[in-house]
């Protein structure tokens, strides 16, 4: 489903099974993730063929918000609602890190993350554009999508530099844990509130 366009950049919200006809955009996003995280940043992640993916990319639960220009991916992110269950063991990345189920330092959260339907998580956010516009469009689209679903808060796992970008986009992110560091670099978990419909004007 395409929801916005600006300066020849189109934003698509994609989830199976409804958006199967546009799933090639998701595959291109996974290919770009492999290029950035595995080839450029040298993260030790799982890849298969030309794509990078993991358990949180389970097609029936993950939602992708992707900015593209004439079919080329310029920015994107993965969304999971925090009441998600992936098999008997996993839920979403930030919570699973806190519970020491994955190899991300548990200190990224001061307290146990929520498992409610009004909380969402953003991970694997990337942008290759020379301007912040595509990622700002992705964030704005994510906000509106979560708002329409009745969401109240969004968690984000990413680099500390995201704080500045989020504030420039009009959000007030707050840290929910310590900055962590491993072979992948420095990152932290943040939360920001979703404006309620009667506040959006």
N, C-alpha and C. Protein backbone atom coordinates (compact mmCIF):
# COMPACT_ATOMS: atom_id res chain seq x y z
N UNK A 1 0.84 -1.19 0.00
CA UNK A 1 0.00 0.00 0.00
C UNK A 1 0.88 1.24 0.00
N UNK A 2 0.73 2.09 -0.99
CA UNK A 2 1.48 3.35 -1.06
C UNK A 2 0.65 4.45 -0.41
N UNK A 3 1.31 5.26 0.44
CA UNK A 3 0.54 6.23 1.22
C UNK A 3 1.00 7.67 1.03
N UNK A 4 2.19 7.90 0.49
CA UNK A 4 2.67 9.27 0.40
C UNK A 4 3.71 9.39 -0.69
N UNK A 5 3.86 10.60 -1.23
CA UNK A 5 4.89 10.85 -2.23
C UNK A 5 5.37 12.29 -2.08
N UNK A 6 6.67 12.50 -2.30
CA UNK A 6 7.25 13.84 -2.18
C UNK A 6 8.55 13.86 -2.96
N UNK A 7 8.68 14.83 -3.88
CA UNK A 7 9.91 14.96 -4.67
C UNK A 7 10.31 13.63 -5.29
N UNK A 8 9.39 12.96 -5.94
CA UNK A 8 9.53 11.68 -6.64
C UNK A 8 9.86 10.51 -5.72
N UNK A 9 9.76 10.69 -4.41
CA UNK A 9 9.92 9.59 -3.45
C UNK A 9 8.55 9.11 -3.02
N UNK A 10 8.33 7.81 -3.11
CA UNK A 10 7.07 7.21 -2.73
C UNK A 10 7.27 6.37 -1.46
N UNK A 11 6.29 6.39 -0.57
CA UNK A 11 6.35 5.60 0.66
C UNK A 11 5.32 4.48 0.58
N UNK A 12 5.77 3.26 0.87
CA UNK A 12 4.88 2.12 0.87
C UNK A 12 4.90 1.43 2.22
N UNK A 13 3.71 1.04 2.70
CA UNK A 13 3.56 0.22 3.90
C UNK A 13 3.20 -1.18 3.42
N UNK A 14 4.03 -2.16 3.79
CA UNK A 14 3.88 -3.48 3.20
C UNK A 14 3.81 -4.56 4.27
N UNK A 15 2.80 -5.42 4.14
CA UNK A 15 2.65 -6.56 5.04
C UNK A 15 1.89 -7.66 4.29
N UNK A 16 2.33 -8.88 4.50
CA UNK A 16 1.61 -10.01 3.90
C UNK A 16 0.36 -10.35 4.73
N UNK A 17 -0.66 -10.91 4.09
CA UNK A 17 -0.73 -11.29 2.68
C UNK A 17 -1.23 -10.18 1.76
N UNK A 18 -1.73 -9.09 2.33
CA UNK A 18 -2.40 -8.08 1.52
C UNK A 18 -1.54 -7.39 0.48
N UNK A 19 -0.25 -7.28 0.74
CA UNK A 19 0.63 -6.54 -0.16
C UNK A 19 1.59 -7.44 -0.92
N UNK A 20 1.16 -8.67 -1.18
CA UNK A 20 2.03 -9.63 -1.87
C UNK A 20 2.47 -9.13 -3.25
N UNK A 21 1.63 -8.35 -3.92
CA UNK A 21 1.96 -7.89 -5.26
C UNK A 21 3.13 -6.91 -5.26
N UNK A 22 3.42 -6.28 -4.12
CA UNK A 22 4.52 -5.33 -4.02
C UNK A 22 5.70 -5.89 -3.21
N UNK A 23 5.71 -7.20 -2.96
CA UNK A 23 6.70 -7.76 -2.05
C UNK A 23 8.13 -7.64 -2.58
N UNK A 24 8.28 -7.39 -3.86
CA UNK A 24 9.62 -7.18 -4.42
C UNK A 24 10.31 -5.99 -3.76
N UNK A 25 9.54 -5.00 -3.32
CA UNK A 25 10.13 -3.86 -2.61
C UNK A 25 10.75 -4.31 -1.28
N UNK A 26 10.09 -5.23 -0.59
CA UNK A 26 10.64 -5.75 0.66
C UNK A 26 11.93 -6.52 0.38
N UNK A 27 11.96 -7.32 -0.67
CA UNK A 27 13.17 -8.06 -1.00
C UNK A 27 14.32 -7.12 -1.33
N UNK A 28 14.02 -6.02 -1.99
CA UNK A 28 15.07 -5.02 -2.27
C UNK A 28 15.54 -4.35 -0.98
N UNK A 29 14.61 -4.14 -0.05
CA UNK A 29 14.98 -3.58 1.25
C UNK A 29 15.90 -4.55 2.00
N UNK A 30 15.60 -5.84 1.98
CA UNK A 30 16.45 -6.84 2.63
C UNK A 30 17.81 -6.93 1.95
N UNK A 31 17.84 -6.74 0.65
CA UNK A 31 19.12 -6.72 -0.07
C UNK A 31 19.95 -5.52 0.34
N UNK A 32 19.29 -4.36 0.47
CA UNK A 32 20.00 -3.15 0.90
C UNK A 32 20.52 -3.31 2.33
N UNK A 33 19.73 -3.94 3.19
CA UNK A 33 20.19 -4.20 4.55
C UNK A 33 21.47 -5.04 4.54
N UNK A 34 21.53 -6.05 3.70
CA UNK A 34 22.73 -6.88 3.60
C UNK A 34 23.93 -6.05 3.17
N UNK A 35 23.70 -5.18 2.19
CA UNK A 35 24.78 -4.33 1.69
C UNK A 35 25.31 -3.40 2.78
N UNK A 36 24.40 -2.83 3.58
CA UNK A 36 24.80 -1.85 4.60
C UNK A 36 25.33 -2.54 5.85
N UNK A 37 24.55 -3.46 6.41
CA UNK A 37 24.91 -4.03 7.71
C UNK A 37 26.02 -5.08 7.63
N UNK A 38 25.99 -5.91 6.61
CA UNK A 38 26.98 -6.99 6.53
C UNK A 38 28.22 -6.57 5.76
N UNK A 39 28.03 -5.96 4.59
CA UNK A 39 29.18 -5.60 3.77
C UNK A 39 29.88 -4.33 4.26
N UNK A 40 29.09 -3.28 4.53
CA UNK A 40 29.68 -2.00 4.90
C UNK A 40 30.07 -1.93 6.38
N UNK A 41 29.13 -2.30 7.26
CA UNK A 41 29.37 -2.18 8.69
C UNK A 41 30.00 -3.43 9.30
N UNK A 42 30.03 -4.52 8.53
CA UNK A 42 30.67 -5.76 8.96
C UNK A 42 29.97 -6.38 10.19
N UNK A 43 28.65 -6.21 10.28
CA UNK A 43 27.91 -6.85 11.35
C UNK A 43 27.84 -8.35 11.09
N UNK A 44 27.89 -9.12 12.15
CA UNK A 44 27.79 -10.57 12.04
C UNK A 44 26.32 -10.99 12.07
N UNK A 45 25.68 -10.90 10.92
CA UNK A 45 24.26 -11.20 10.79
C UNK A 45 24.05 -12.34 9.82
N UNK A 46 22.87 -12.93 9.89
CA UNK A 46 22.54 -14.04 9.00
C UNK A 46 22.12 -13.50 7.64
N UNK A 47 22.64 -14.09 6.59
CA UNK A 47 22.19 -13.74 5.25
C UNK A 47 22.01 -15.01 4.43
N UNK A 48 21.20 -14.87 3.42
CA UNK A 48 20.91 -15.99 2.54
C UNK A 48 20.84 -15.44 1.12
N UNK A 49 21.78 -15.85 0.28
CA UNK A 49 21.82 -15.30 -1.06
C UNK A 49 22.15 -13.82 -1.03
N UNK A 50 21.23 -13.00 -1.48
CA UNK A 50 21.48 -11.56 -1.57
C UNK A 50 20.82 -10.75 -0.47
N UNK A 51 20.17 -11.41 0.51
CA UNK A 51 19.40 -10.66 1.50
C UNK A 51 19.89 -10.94 2.92
N UNK A 52 19.60 -9.97 3.82
CA UNK A 52 19.83 -10.14 5.25
C UNK A 52 18.47 -10.23 5.92
N UNK A 53 18.28 -11.25 6.73
CA UNK A 53 17.00 -11.37 7.43
C UNK A 53 17.20 -12.20 8.69
N UNK A 54 16.19 -12.18 9.54
CA UNK A 54 16.26 -12.87 10.83
C UNK A 54 14.84 -13.24 11.25
N UNK A 55 14.70 -13.77 12.46
CA UNK A 55 13.38 -14.23 12.90
C UNK A 55 12.35 -13.11 12.94
N UNK A 56 12.79 -11.87 13.15
CA UNK A 56 11.84 -10.76 13.24
C UNK A 56 11.32 -10.32 11.86
N UNK A 57 11.84 -10.92 10.82
CA UNK A 57 11.33 -10.67 9.47
C UNK A 57 10.26 -11.68 9.08
N UNK A 58 9.74 -12.41 10.05
CA UNK A 58 8.66 -13.35 9.79
C UNK A 58 7.53 -12.63 9.05
N UNK A 59 7.21 -13.11 7.87
CA UNK A 59 6.36 -12.35 6.96
C UNK A 59 4.96 -12.08 7.51
N UNK A 60 4.46 -12.96 8.35
CA UNK A 60 3.09 -12.78 8.84
C UNK A 60 2.98 -11.79 9.99
N UNK A 61 4.10 -11.32 10.54
CA UNK A 61 4.02 -10.38 11.66
C UNK A 61 4.72 -9.06 11.39
N UNK A 62 5.73 -9.04 10.54
CA UNK A 62 6.50 -7.82 10.29
C UNK A 62 5.78 -6.92 9.30
N UNK A 63 5.86 -5.62 9.55
CA UNK A 63 5.39 -4.60 8.62
C UNK A 63 6.59 -3.77 8.20
N UNK A 64 6.68 -3.45 6.92
CA UNK A 64 7.81 -2.67 6.40
C UNK A 64 7.32 -1.34 5.87
N UNK A 65 8.00 -0.27 6.24
CA UNK A 65 7.70 1.05 5.70
C UNK A 65 8.92 1.46 4.88
N UNK A 66 8.73 1.60 3.58
CA UNK A 66 9.84 1.72 2.65
C UNK A 66 9.67 2.95 1.76
N UNK A 67 10.73 3.75 1.68
CA UNK A 67 10.78 4.89 0.77
C UNK A 67 11.53 4.46 -0.48
N UNK A 68 10.93 4.72 -1.65
CA UNK A 68 11.58 4.30 -2.88
C UNK A 68 11.39 5.35 -3.97
N UNK A 69 12.39 5.42 -4.83
CA UNK A 69 12.38 6.36 -5.94
C UNK A 69 12.54 5.57 -7.23
N UNK A 70 11.47 5.49 -7.99
CA UNK A 70 11.46 4.73 -9.24
C UNK A 70 11.94 3.28 -9.00
N UNK A 71 11.48 2.70 -7.92
CA UNK A 71 11.81 1.32 -7.61
C UNK A 71 13.08 1.12 -6.82
N UNK A 72 13.91 2.16 -6.69
CA UNK A 72 15.14 2.05 -5.91
C UNK A 72 14.86 2.40 -4.45
N UNK A 73 15.27 1.54 -3.53
CA UNK A 73 15.04 1.78 -2.11
C UNK A 73 16.01 2.85 -1.62
N UNK A 74 15.47 3.90 -0.98
CA UNK A 74 16.32 4.96 -0.44
C UNK A 74 16.28 5.03 1.08
N UNK A 75 15.24 4.44 1.68
CA UNK A 75 15.14 4.40 3.14
C UNK A 75 14.06 3.40 3.52
N UNK A 76 14.12 2.95 4.77
CA UNK A 76 13.09 2.02 5.21
C UNK A 76 13.30 1.60 6.64
N UNK A 77 12.31 0.90 7.16
CA UNK A 77 12.38 0.39 8.53
C UNK A 77 11.41 -0.77 8.68
N UNK A 78 11.64 -1.56 9.72
CA UNK A 78 10.76 -2.68 10.04
C UNK A 78 9.96 -2.36 11.30
N UNK A 79 8.69 -2.72 11.29
CA UNK A 79 7.79 -2.48 12.43
C UNK A 79 7.28 -3.81 12.98
N UNK A 80 7.24 -3.90 14.30
CA UNK A 80 6.57 -5.02 14.97
C UNK A 80 5.73 -4.46 16.11
N UNK A 81 4.51 -4.94 16.24
CA UNK A 81 3.72 -4.55 17.40
C UNK A 81 4.21 -5.34 18.60
N UNK A 82 4.18 -4.73 19.76
CA UNK A 82 4.85 -5.31 20.92
C UNK A 82 4.11 -6.47 21.58
N UNK A 83 2.92 -6.78 21.09
CA UNK A 83 2.27 -8.01 21.55
C UNK A 83 2.53 -9.17 20.59
N UNK A 84 3.50 -8.98 19.70
CA UNK A 84 3.86 -10.01 18.72
C UNK A 84 4.48 -11.21 19.42
N UNK A 85 4.14 -12.40 18.92
CA UNK A 85 4.80 -13.63 19.35
C UNK A 85 5.31 -14.35 18.11
N UNK A 86 6.59 -14.68 18.12
CA UNK A 86 7.20 -15.38 16.99
C UNK A 86 7.63 -16.75 17.50
N UNK A 87 6.81 -17.74 17.25
CA UNK A 87 7.08 -19.06 17.77
C UNK A 87 6.97 -19.08 19.28
N UNK A 88 7.51 -20.11 19.92
CA UNK A 88 7.39 -20.23 21.38
C UNK A 88 8.38 -19.39 22.16
N UNK A 89 9.38 -18.80 21.48
CA UNK A 89 10.50 -18.17 22.20
C UNK A 89 10.61 -16.68 22.04
N UNK A 90 10.33 -16.15 20.86
CA UNK A 90 10.66 -14.76 20.57
C UNK A 90 9.43 -13.85 20.55
N UNK A 91 9.68 -12.55 20.75
CA UNK A 91 8.62 -11.55 20.66
C UNK A 91 9.09 -10.44 19.72
N UNK A 92 9.80 -9.46 20.24
CA UNK A 92 10.40 -8.42 19.40
C UNK A 92 11.79 -8.12 19.93
N UNK A 93 12.60 -7.47 19.11
CA UNK A 93 14.04 -7.41 19.35
C UNK A 93 14.43 -6.78 20.68
N UNK A 94 13.88 -5.62 21.00
CA UNK A 94 14.27 -4.92 22.22
C UNK A 94 13.92 -5.75 23.46
N UNK A 95 12.73 -6.31 23.47
CA UNK A 95 12.33 -7.13 24.61
C UNK A 95 13.19 -8.39 24.71
N UNK A 96 13.43 -9.04 23.59
CA UNK A 96 14.23 -10.26 23.61
C UNK A 96 15.67 -9.98 24.04
N UNK A 97 16.18 -8.79 23.71
CA UNK A 97 17.51 -8.43 24.19
C UNK A 97 17.50 -8.28 25.71
N UNK A 98 16.48 -7.59 26.23
CA UNK A 98 16.36 -7.40 27.68
C UNK A 98 16.29 -8.75 28.40
N UNK A 99 15.59 -9.70 27.80
CA UNK A 99 15.43 -11.03 28.40
C UNK A 99 16.60 -11.96 28.08
N UNK A 100 17.61 -11.43 27.40
CA UNK A 100 18.84 -12.17 27.08
C UNK A 100 18.59 -13.38 26.19
N UNK A 101 17.64 -13.21 25.28
CA UNK A 101 17.35 -14.28 24.33
C UNK A 101 18.14 -14.13 23.04
N UNK A 102 18.70 -12.93 22.82
CA UNK A 102 19.51 -12.68 21.64
C UNK A 102 20.79 -11.97 22.06
N UNK A 103 21.75 -11.90 21.16
CA UNK A 103 23.07 -11.37 21.50
C UNK A 103 23.15 -9.86 21.34
N UNK A 104 22.29 -9.18 22.07
CA UNK A 104 22.34 -7.73 22.21
C UNK A 104 22.37 -7.45 23.70
N UNK A 105 23.28 -6.59 24.19
CA UNK A 105 23.39 -6.36 25.64
C UNK A 105 22.05 -6.00 26.28
N UNK A 106 21.72 -6.66 27.37
CA UNK A 106 20.42 -6.46 28.02
C UNK A 106 20.29 -5.09 28.66
N UNK A 107 21.42 -4.37 28.86
CA UNK A 107 21.33 -3.05 29.49
C UNK A 107 20.72 -1.98 28.57
N UNK A 108 20.32 -2.35 27.37
CA UNK A 108 19.67 -1.37 26.52
C UNK A 108 18.31 -0.95 27.09
N UNK A 109 17.81 -1.68 28.09
CA UNK A 109 16.56 -1.29 28.75
C UNK A 109 16.74 -1.28 30.26
N UNK A 110 16.21 -0.25 30.90
CA UNK A 110 16.25 -0.16 32.35
C UNK A 110 15.24 -1.12 32.99
N UNK A 111 14.14 -1.37 32.29
CA UNK A 111 13.09 -2.24 32.83
C UNK A 111 12.48 -3.03 31.69
N UNK A 112 11.70 -4.04 32.03
CA UNK A 112 11.16 -4.95 31.02
C UNK A 112 10.23 -4.20 30.06
N UNK A 113 10.49 -4.32 28.77
CA UNK A 113 9.67 -3.63 27.76
C UNK A 113 8.24 -4.19 27.72
N UNK A 114 7.31 -3.42 27.17
CA UNK A 114 5.89 -3.80 27.20
C UNK A 114 5.56 -4.94 26.23
N UNK A 115 4.44 -5.57 26.48
CA UNK A 115 3.91 -6.59 25.57
C UNK A 115 2.45 -6.26 25.21
N UNK A 116 2.16 -4.98 25.13
CA UNK A 116 0.80 -4.52 24.88
C UNK A 116 0.60 -4.16 23.41
N UNK A 117 -0.67 -4.14 23.00
CA UNK A 117 -1.00 -3.86 21.60
C UNK A 117 -0.88 -2.38 21.25
N UNK A 118 -0.71 -1.51 22.24
CA UNK A 118 -0.60 -0.08 21.94
C UNK A 118 0.86 0.39 21.91
N UNK A 119 1.80 -0.56 21.89
CA UNK A 119 3.22 -0.23 21.77
C UNK A 119 3.78 -0.93 20.53
N UNK A 120 4.70 -0.23 19.85
CA UNK A 120 5.31 -0.76 18.63
C UNK A 120 6.83 -0.62 18.71
N UNK A 121 7.52 -1.36 17.87
CA UNK A 121 8.97 -1.29 17.81
C UNK A 121 9.43 -1.02 16.37
N UNK A 122 10.39 -0.09 16.24
CA UNK A 122 11.06 0.17 14.96
C UNK A 122 12.49 -0.37 15.05
N UNK A 123 12.87 -1.20 14.08
CA UNK A 123 14.25 -1.66 13.99
C UNK A 123 14.67 -1.68 12.52
N UNK A 124 15.97 -1.94 12.30
CA UNK A 124 16.54 -2.04 10.96
C UNK A 124 16.23 -0.81 10.10
N UNK A 125 16.26 0.37 10.73
CA UNK A 125 16.04 1.61 9.98
C UNK A 125 17.31 1.97 9.21
N UNK A 126 17.16 2.24 7.93
CA UNK A 126 18.31 2.60 7.09
C UNK A 126 17.91 3.68 6.10
N UNK A 127 18.90 4.46 5.67
CA UNK A 127 18.71 5.45 4.62
C UNK A 127 20.01 5.61 3.86
N UNK A 128 19.92 5.67 2.54
CA UNK A 128 21.11 5.89 1.72
C UNK A 128 21.04 7.23 1.00
N UNK A 129 19.98 7.99 1.25
CA UNK A 129 19.84 9.28 0.59
C UNK A 129 20.78 10.30 1.21
N UNK A 130 21.16 11.29 0.44
CA UNK A 130 22.09 12.32 0.91
C UNK A 130 21.39 13.35 1.81
N UNK A 131 20.07 13.30 1.87
CA UNK A 131 19.31 14.22 2.71
C UNK A 131 18.52 13.40 3.73
N UNK A 132 18.07 14.04 4.81
CA UNK A 132 17.26 13.32 5.81
C UNK A 132 15.80 13.15 5.41
N UNK A 133 15.41 13.70 4.26
CA UNK A 133 13.99 13.72 3.89
C UNK A 133 13.37 12.33 3.81
N UNK A 134 13.98 11.35 3.13
CA UNK A 134 13.32 10.03 3.05
C UNK A 134 13.07 9.40 4.42
N UNK A 135 14.04 9.48 5.33
CA UNK A 135 13.83 8.88 6.65
C UNK A 135 12.80 9.66 7.44
N UNK A 136 12.75 10.97 7.28
CA UNK A 136 11.71 11.75 7.94
C UNK A 136 10.33 11.35 7.42
N UNK A 137 10.25 11.08 6.12
CA UNK A 137 8.98 10.62 5.54
C UNK A 137 8.60 9.24 6.09
N UNK A 138 9.60 8.37 6.23
CA UNK A 138 9.35 7.04 6.80
C UNK A 138 8.83 7.17 8.23
N UNK A 139 9.48 8.01 9.04
CA UNK A 139 9.06 8.20 10.43
C UNK A 139 7.65 8.77 10.52
N UNK A 140 7.35 9.75 9.68
CA UNK A 140 6.02 10.35 9.69
C UNK A 140 4.96 9.33 9.31
N UNK A 141 5.26 8.50 8.32
CA UNK A 141 4.33 7.47 7.90
C UNK A 141 4.12 6.44 9.00
N UNK A 142 5.22 6.05 9.65
CA UNK A 142 5.13 5.10 10.78
C UNK A 142 4.25 5.68 11.88
N UNK A 143 4.48 6.95 12.22
CA UNK A 143 3.69 7.59 13.27
C UNK A 143 2.20 7.52 12.95
N UNK A 144 1.84 7.89 11.72
CA UNK A 144 0.43 7.90 11.34
C UNK A 144 -0.15 6.50 11.33
N UNK A 145 0.65 5.54 10.89
CA UNK A 145 0.19 4.15 10.84
C UNK A 145 -0.10 3.62 12.25
N UNK A 146 0.82 3.88 13.17
CA UNK A 146 0.64 3.44 14.55
C UNK A 146 -0.54 4.17 15.20
N UNK A 147 -0.64 5.46 14.92
CA UNK A 147 -1.75 6.24 15.48
C UNK A 147 -3.10 5.67 15.07
N UNK A 148 -3.23 5.32 13.78
CA UNK A 148 -4.50 4.78 13.28
C UNK A 148 -4.80 3.42 13.90
N UNK A 149 -3.75 2.70 14.33
CA UNK A 149 -3.94 1.40 14.97
C UNK A 149 -4.26 1.54 16.46
N UNK A 150 -4.26 2.76 16.97
CA UNK A 150 -4.53 2.97 18.39
C UNK A 150 -3.28 2.92 19.25
N UNK A 151 -2.11 2.98 18.61
CA UNK A 151 -0.85 2.94 19.36
C UNK A 151 -0.59 4.19 20.16
N UNK A 152 0.13 4.04 21.26
CA UNK A 152 0.44 5.16 22.14
C UNK A 152 1.93 5.45 22.27
N UNK A 153 2.76 4.43 22.01
CA UNK A 153 4.20 4.62 22.18
C UNK A 153 4.93 3.77 21.14
N UNK A 154 6.10 4.26 20.74
CA UNK A 154 6.92 3.52 19.80
C UNK A 154 8.33 3.41 20.36
N UNK A 155 8.89 2.21 20.34
CA UNK A 155 10.27 1.96 20.75
C UNK A 155 11.14 1.91 19.51
N UNK A 156 12.38 2.35 19.67
CA UNK A 156 13.31 2.36 18.54
C UNK A 156 14.66 1.86 19.00
N UNK A 157 15.26 0.99 18.20
CA UNK A 157 16.61 0.53 18.49
C UNK A 157 17.51 0.95 17.34
N UNK A 158 18.52 1.76 17.66
CA UNK A 158 19.40 2.25 16.61
C UNK A 158 20.54 3.08 17.15
N UNK A 159 21.27 3.75 16.29
CA UNK A 159 22.44 4.53 16.70
C UNK A 159 22.05 5.78 17.49
N UNK A 160 22.94 6.24 18.37
CA UNK A 160 22.64 7.46 19.13
C UNK A 160 22.32 8.67 18.26
N UNK A 161 22.85 8.71 17.04
CA UNK A 161 22.59 9.85 16.15
C UNK A 161 21.11 9.98 15.80
N UNK A 162 20.34 8.92 15.99
CA UNK A 162 18.92 8.98 15.70
C UNK A 162 18.21 10.02 16.56
N UNK A 163 18.72 10.27 17.74
CA UNK A 163 18.08 11.23 18.65
C UNK A 163 17.98 12.60 17.98
N UNK A 164 19.07 13.06 17.37
CA UNK A 164 19.08 14.37 16.72
C UNK A 164 18.10 14.39 15.54
N UNK A 165 18.13 13.34 14.74
CA UNK A 165 17.26 13.29 13.58
C UNK A 165 15.80 13.28 14.00
N UNK A 166 15.46 12.52 15.05
CA UNK A 166 14.08 12.45 15.52
C UNK A 166 13.62 13.81 16.03
N UNK A 167 14.47 14.51 16.74
CA UNK A 167 14.10 15.83 17.25
C UNK A 167 13.89 16.83 16.12
N UNK A 168 14.73 16.74 15.07
CA UNK A 168 14.53 17.61 13.92
C UNK A 168 13.20 17.31 13.22
N UNK A 169 12.72 16.09 13.38
CA UNK A 169 11.46 15.69 12.76
C UNK A 169 10.25 15.98 13.64
N UNK A 170 10.48 16.59 14.81
CA UNK A 170 9.38 16.98 15.68
C UNK A 170 9.02 16.00 16.78
N UNK A 171 9.86 14.99 17.00
CA UNK A 171 9.59 14.01 18.05
C UNK A 171 10.45 14.30 19.28
N UNK A 172 10.03 13.76 20.40
CA UNK A 172 10.77 13.94 21.65
C UNK A 172 11.18 12.57 22.18
N UNK A 173 12.19 11.96 21.60
CA UNK A 173 12.60 10.62 22.05
C UNK A 173 13.22 10.66 23.44
N UNK A 174 13.00 9.62 24.21
CA UNK A 174 13.60 9.49 25.53
C UNK A 174 14.30 8.14 25.63
N UNK A 175 15.43 8.12 26.28
CA UNK A 175 16.17 6.89 26.44
C UNK A 175 15.47 5.97 27.41
N UNK A 176 15.44 4.68 27.07
CA UNK A 176 14.85 3.69 27.98
C UNK A 176 15.91 2.72 28.49
N UNK A 177 17.16 3.03 28.18
CA UNK A 177 18.26 2.19 28.66
C UNK A 177 19.58 2.85 28.38
N UNK A 178 20.65 2.16 28.71
CA UNK A 178 21.99 2.68 28.49
C UNK A 178 22.44 2.48 27.05
N UNK A 179 23.36 3.31 26.62
CA UNK A 179 24.00 3.09 25.33
C UNK A 179 24.83 1.81 25.42
N UNK A 180 24.64 0.92 24.49
CA UNK A 180 25.36 -0.35 24.46
C UNK A 180 26.38 -0.33 23.32
N UNK A 181 27.36 -1.18 23.43
CA UNK A 181 28.37 -1.27 22.38
C UNK A 181 28.84 -2.70 22.25
N UNK A 182 28.94 -3.14 21.00
CA UNK A 182 29.53 -4.44 20.71
C UNK A 182 30.21 -4.35 19.35
N UNK A 183 30.43 -5.47 18.71
CA UNK A 183 31.11 -5.44 17.41
C UNK A 183 30.33 -4.69 16.34
N UNK A 184 29.05 -4.48 16.57
CA UNK A 184 28.22 -3.76 15.62
C UNK A 184 28.31 -2.25 15.79
N UNK A 185 28.91 -1.78 16.88
CA UNK A 185 28.99 -0.35 17.13
C UNK A 185 28.19 0.06 18.35
N UNK A 186 27.85 1.36 18.44
CA UNK A 186 27.11 1.90 19.56
C UNK A 186 25.64 2.05 19.18
N UNK A 187 24.74 1.71 20.09
CA UNK A 187 23.33 1.84 19.82
C UNK A 187 22.58 1.95 21.15
N UNK A 188 21.34 2.38 21.06
CA UNK A 188 20.52 2.50 22.25
C UNK A 188 19.06 2.33 21.90
N UNK A 189 18.27 2.10 22.93
CA UNK A 189 16.82 1.98 22.77
C UNK A 189 16.17 3.28 23.22
N UNK A 190 15.23 3.74 22.43
CA UNK A 190 14.51 4.98 22.70
C UNK A 190 13.01 4.70 22.67
N UNK A 191 12.26 5.63 23.23
CA UNK A 191 10.81 5.58 23.12
C UNK A 191 10.31 6.99 22.80
N UNK A 192 9.28 7.07 21.99
CA UNK A 192 8.61 8.36 21.79
C UNK A 192 7.12 8.13 21.72
N UNK A 193 6.37 9.10 22.22
CA UNK A 193 4.92 8.99 22.30
C UNK A 193 4.28 9.25 20.95
N UNK A 194 3.17 8.59 20.71
CA UNK A 194 2.37 8.80 19.52
C UNK A 194 1.29 9.81 19.85
N UNK A 195 1.22 10.87 19.05
CA UNK A 195 0.19 11.87 19.28
C UNK A 195 -1.18 11.26 19.08
N UNK A 196 -2.09 11.55 19.98
CA UNK A 196 -3.43 11.02 19.86
C UNK A 196 -4.22 11.84 18.85
N UNK A 197 -5.23 11.23 18.26
CA UNK A 197 -5.95 11.84 17.15
C UNK A 197 -6.49 13.22 17.48
N UNK A 198 -7.01 13.39 18.70
CA UNK A 198 -7.58 14.69 19.06
C UNK A 198 -6.52 15.72 19.32
N UNK A 199 -5.21 15.31 19.38
CA UNK A 199 -4.13 16.26 19.54
C UNK A 199 -3.51 16.64 18.21
N UNK A 200 -3.81 15.84 17.18
CA UNK A 200 -3.13 16.03 15.90
C UNK A 200 -3.69 17.20 15.11
N UNK A 201 -4.84 17.71 15.54
CA UNK A 201 -5.41 18.86 14.86
C UNK A 201 -6.09 18.49 13.57
